[in-house]
Protein backbone atom coordinates (compact mmCIF):
# COMPACT_ATOMS: atom_id res chain seq x y z
CA UNK A 1 -186.24 103.24 -71.35
CA UNK A 2 -186.00 106.08 -74.22
CA UNK A 3 -188.97 108.76 -74.64
CA UNK A 4 -189.68 109.54 -78.56
CA UNK A 5 -187.00 112.17 -78.22
CA UNK A 6 -184.39 109.55 -77.40
CA UNK A 7 -183.83 110.65 -73.98
CA UNK A 8 -183.82 108.54 -71.12
CA UNK A 9 -186.51 108.06 -68.06
CA UNK A 10 -186.10 108.11 -64.75
CA UNK A 11 -184.88 104.97 -63.81
CA UNK A 12 -187.24 102.29 -62.20
CA UNK A 13 -185.65 99.71 -59.73
CA UNK A 14 -187.19 95.82 -59.26
CA UNK A 15 -186.11 93.44 -56.45
CA UNK A 16 -185.14 90.35 -57.70
CA UNK A 17 -182.85 87.15 -56.11
CA UNK A 18 -179.41 87.66 -54.82
CA UNK A 19 -176.89 88.90 -57.87
CA UNK A 20 -178.80 88.70 -60.67
CA UNK A 21 -176.22 87.35 -63.36
CA UNK A 22 -178.26 86.81 -66.54
CA UNK A 23 -181.67 88.32 -67.53
CA UNK A 24 -183.76 87.48 -70.60
CA UNK A 25 -187.48 89.66 -71.86
CA UNK A 26 -189.91 87.11 -72.94
CA UNK A 27 -193.66 86.92 -72.80
CA UNK A 28 -194.23 83.84 -69.80
CA UNK A 29 -197.94 84.53 -69.10
CA UNK A 30 -198.82 85.04 -72.98
CA UNK A 31 -200.16 88.31 -72.64
CA UNK A 32 -198.14 89.90 -75.49
CA UNK A 33 -196.40 91.99 -72.96
CA UNK A 34 -192.29 91.09 -72.27
CA UNK A 35 -191.91 89.79 -68.92
CA UNK A 36 -188.43 89.40 -67.14
CA UNK A 37 -186.39 86.60 -65.95
CA UNK A 38 -183.23 86.68 -64.26
CA UNK A 39 -181.17 84.06 -63.27
CA UNK A 40 -179.92 84.95 -59.53
CA UNK A 41 -176.80 83.67 -58.85
CA UNK A 42 -175.93 83.79 -55.12
CA UNK A 43 -180.00 82.95 -54.14
CA UNK A 44 -179.89 79.94 -56.62
CA UNK A 45 -183.46 80.69 -58.18
CA UNK A 46 -184.80 82.59 -61.34
CA UNK A 47 -187.25 85.53 -60.72
CA UNK A 48 -190.13 86.07 -62.73
CA UNK A 49 -191.58 89.60 -63.06
CA UNK A 50 -194.93 90.16 -65.06
CA UNK A 51 -195.38 93.06 -67.20
CA UNK A 52 -198.30 94.73 -65.97
CA UNK A 53 -199.28 96.51 -69.39
CA UNK A 54 -199.04 99.93 -68.36
CA UNK A 55 -194.94 100.24 -68.11
CA UNK A 56 -194.63 98.67 -64.60
CA UNK A 57 -193.90 94.95 -63.37
CA UNK A 58 -195.77 92.29 -60.53
CA UNK A 59 -194.11 91.94 -57.33
CA UNK A 60 -191.02 88.72 -57.87
CA UNK A 61 -191.26 85.61 -57.88
CA UNK A 62 -188.74 83.17 -57.07
CA UNK A 63 -188.27 79.90 -57.89
CA UNK A 64 -185.40 77.54 -56.86
CA UNK A 65 -182.45 76.10 -59.38
CA UNK A 66 -179.56 74.63 -59.03
CA UNK A 67 -176.61 75.90 -57.61
CA UNK A 68 -175.13 79.23 -58.75
CA UNK A 69 -177.07 79.85 -61.99
CA UNK A 70 -175.29 82.06 -64.38
CA UNK A 71 -176.90 81.51 -67.70
CA UNK A 72 -181.14 81.43 -68.76
CA UNK A 73 -182.94 80.62 -71.62
CA UNK A 74 -186.69 81.02 -71.70
CA UNK A 75 -188.28 78.96 -74.76
CA UNK A 76 -191.01 76.34 -75.49
CA UNK A 77 -188.83 72.95 -74.75
CA UNK A 78 -191.95 70.62 -74.90
CA UNK A 79 -193.96 71.93 -77.35
CA UNK A 80 -197.02 73.39 -75.68
CA UNK A 81 -196.77 76.75 -76.67
CA UNK A 82 -195.99 78.08 -73.55
CA UNK A 83 -191.81 79.75 -72.93
CA UNK A 84 -190.39 77.41 -70.10
CA UNK A 85 -187.52 78.65 -68.13
CA UNK A 86 -183.72 76.66 -68.66
CA UNK A 87 -180.42 77.87 -66.61
CA UNK A 88 -176.76 76.84 -66.86
CA UNK A 89 -176.09 76.19 -62.71
CA UNK A 90 -172.18 76.57 -62.65
CA UNK A 91 -172.22 75.60 -58.89
CA UNK A 92 -173.79 71.91 -59.60
CA UNK A 93 -172.87 71.28 -62.86
CA UNK A 94 -176.59 70.73 -64.04
CA UNK A 95 -178.97 72.78 -66.25
CA UNK A 96 -182.55 72.98 -64.58
CA UNK A 97 -185.72 73.38 -66.35
CA UNK A 98 -189.15 74.90 -64.94
CA UNK A 99 -192.12 73.97 -67.22
CA UNK A 100 -194.68 76.85 -68.04
CA UNK A 101 -197.56 75.73 -66.15
CA UNK A 102 -200.14 78.44 -67.74
CA UNK A 103 -200.23 82.15 -66.65
CA UNK A 104 -196.82 83.08 -65.99
CA UNK A 105 -196.28 80.23 -63.05
CA UNK A 106 -193.47 77.29 -63.52
CA UNK A 107 -193.39 73.80 -62.13
CA UNK A 108 -190.36 72.79 -59.56
CA UNK A 109 -187.34 72.44 -61.27
CA UNK A 110 -186.30 68.98 -63.23
CA UNK A 111 -182.46 69.50 -63.32
CA UNK A 112 -180.40 67.43 -65.44
CA UNK A 113 -176.77 66.71 -65.17
CA UNK A 114 -173.67 68.46 -67.64
CA UNK A 115 -170.32 68.38 -67.91
CA UNK A 116 -168.17 70.39 -65.47
CA UNK A 117 -168.57 74.36 -65.30
CA UNK A 118 -171.56 75.33 -67.54
CA UNK A 119 -171.33 78.97 -68.27
CA UNK A 120 -174.00 79.45 -70.81
CA UNK A 121 -177.20 77.71 -72.02
CA UNK A 122 -179.13 77.91 -75.42
CA UNK A 123 -182.12 76.28 -76.71
CA UNK A 124 -182.52 75.68 -80.36
CA UNK A 125 -183.53 72.65 -82.93
CA UNK A 126 -179.99 71.53 -83.96
CA UNK A 127 -180.67 68.20 -85.10
CA UNK A 128 -183.63 68.83 -87.14
CA UNK A 129 -186.11 66.73 -85.63
CA UNK A 130 -188.49 69.54 -84.58
CA UNK A 131 -187.77 69.00 -81.24
CA UNK A 132 -185.89 71.85 -78.84
CA UNK A 133 -182.31 70.73 -77.88
CA UNK A 134 -180.40 71.94 -74.98
CA UNK A 135 -176.66 73.26 -75.65
CA UNK A 136 -174.84 73.90 -72.78
CA UNK A 137 -170.78 75.60 -72.74
CA UNK A 138 -169.22 73.78 -70.06
CA UNK A 139 -165.61 75.23 -69.08
CA UNK A 140 -163.98 73.11 -67.35
CA UNK A 141 -164.57 70.26 -69.53
CA UNK A 142 -163.89 72.32 -72.95
CA UNK A 143 -167.27 70.95 -74.01
C-alpha cells in the first residue's frame, strides 16, 4: 500500500493456503470493499479474505477445489449479481466453480472437465448470448 507521498507502508502478512499461485481482488460480499481471493496450489483450495473496511482483512476462509489450482477468476457466472469463484485446476484437468451464497460465502465446488493441463481461466460473454462463458488455456492439448 502507498501513503499519500507514494512511499510503501509497512507490510502486512495474511495467511492463506499452501503455495498461493494466483490472486484476484474483487468485492465478494457486496460491501463496496475489495476482498482477496487466492488459488492455493498445494493445498487444493481457494482462500477468501474479506475486507473489514479499516485497512485489514478477516481471518481466512478456505474452500476445497480441484487438484493444483493455478488460476482464479472471480465473476458472476450465474447472473445473480454475486461474484462467484472459478479456478483452473492443473492437476485434475478440471475447473471448479464455487457459487457465491451471499455475504462472501461460497457453495461447495462444482467441477467440469477440460483439456490437459489448464493453465489459466477467464470468464466473459464471448458469443454474445448475454451469458458468461468460461475459457481455459490448456497447455498439453494446445487449446
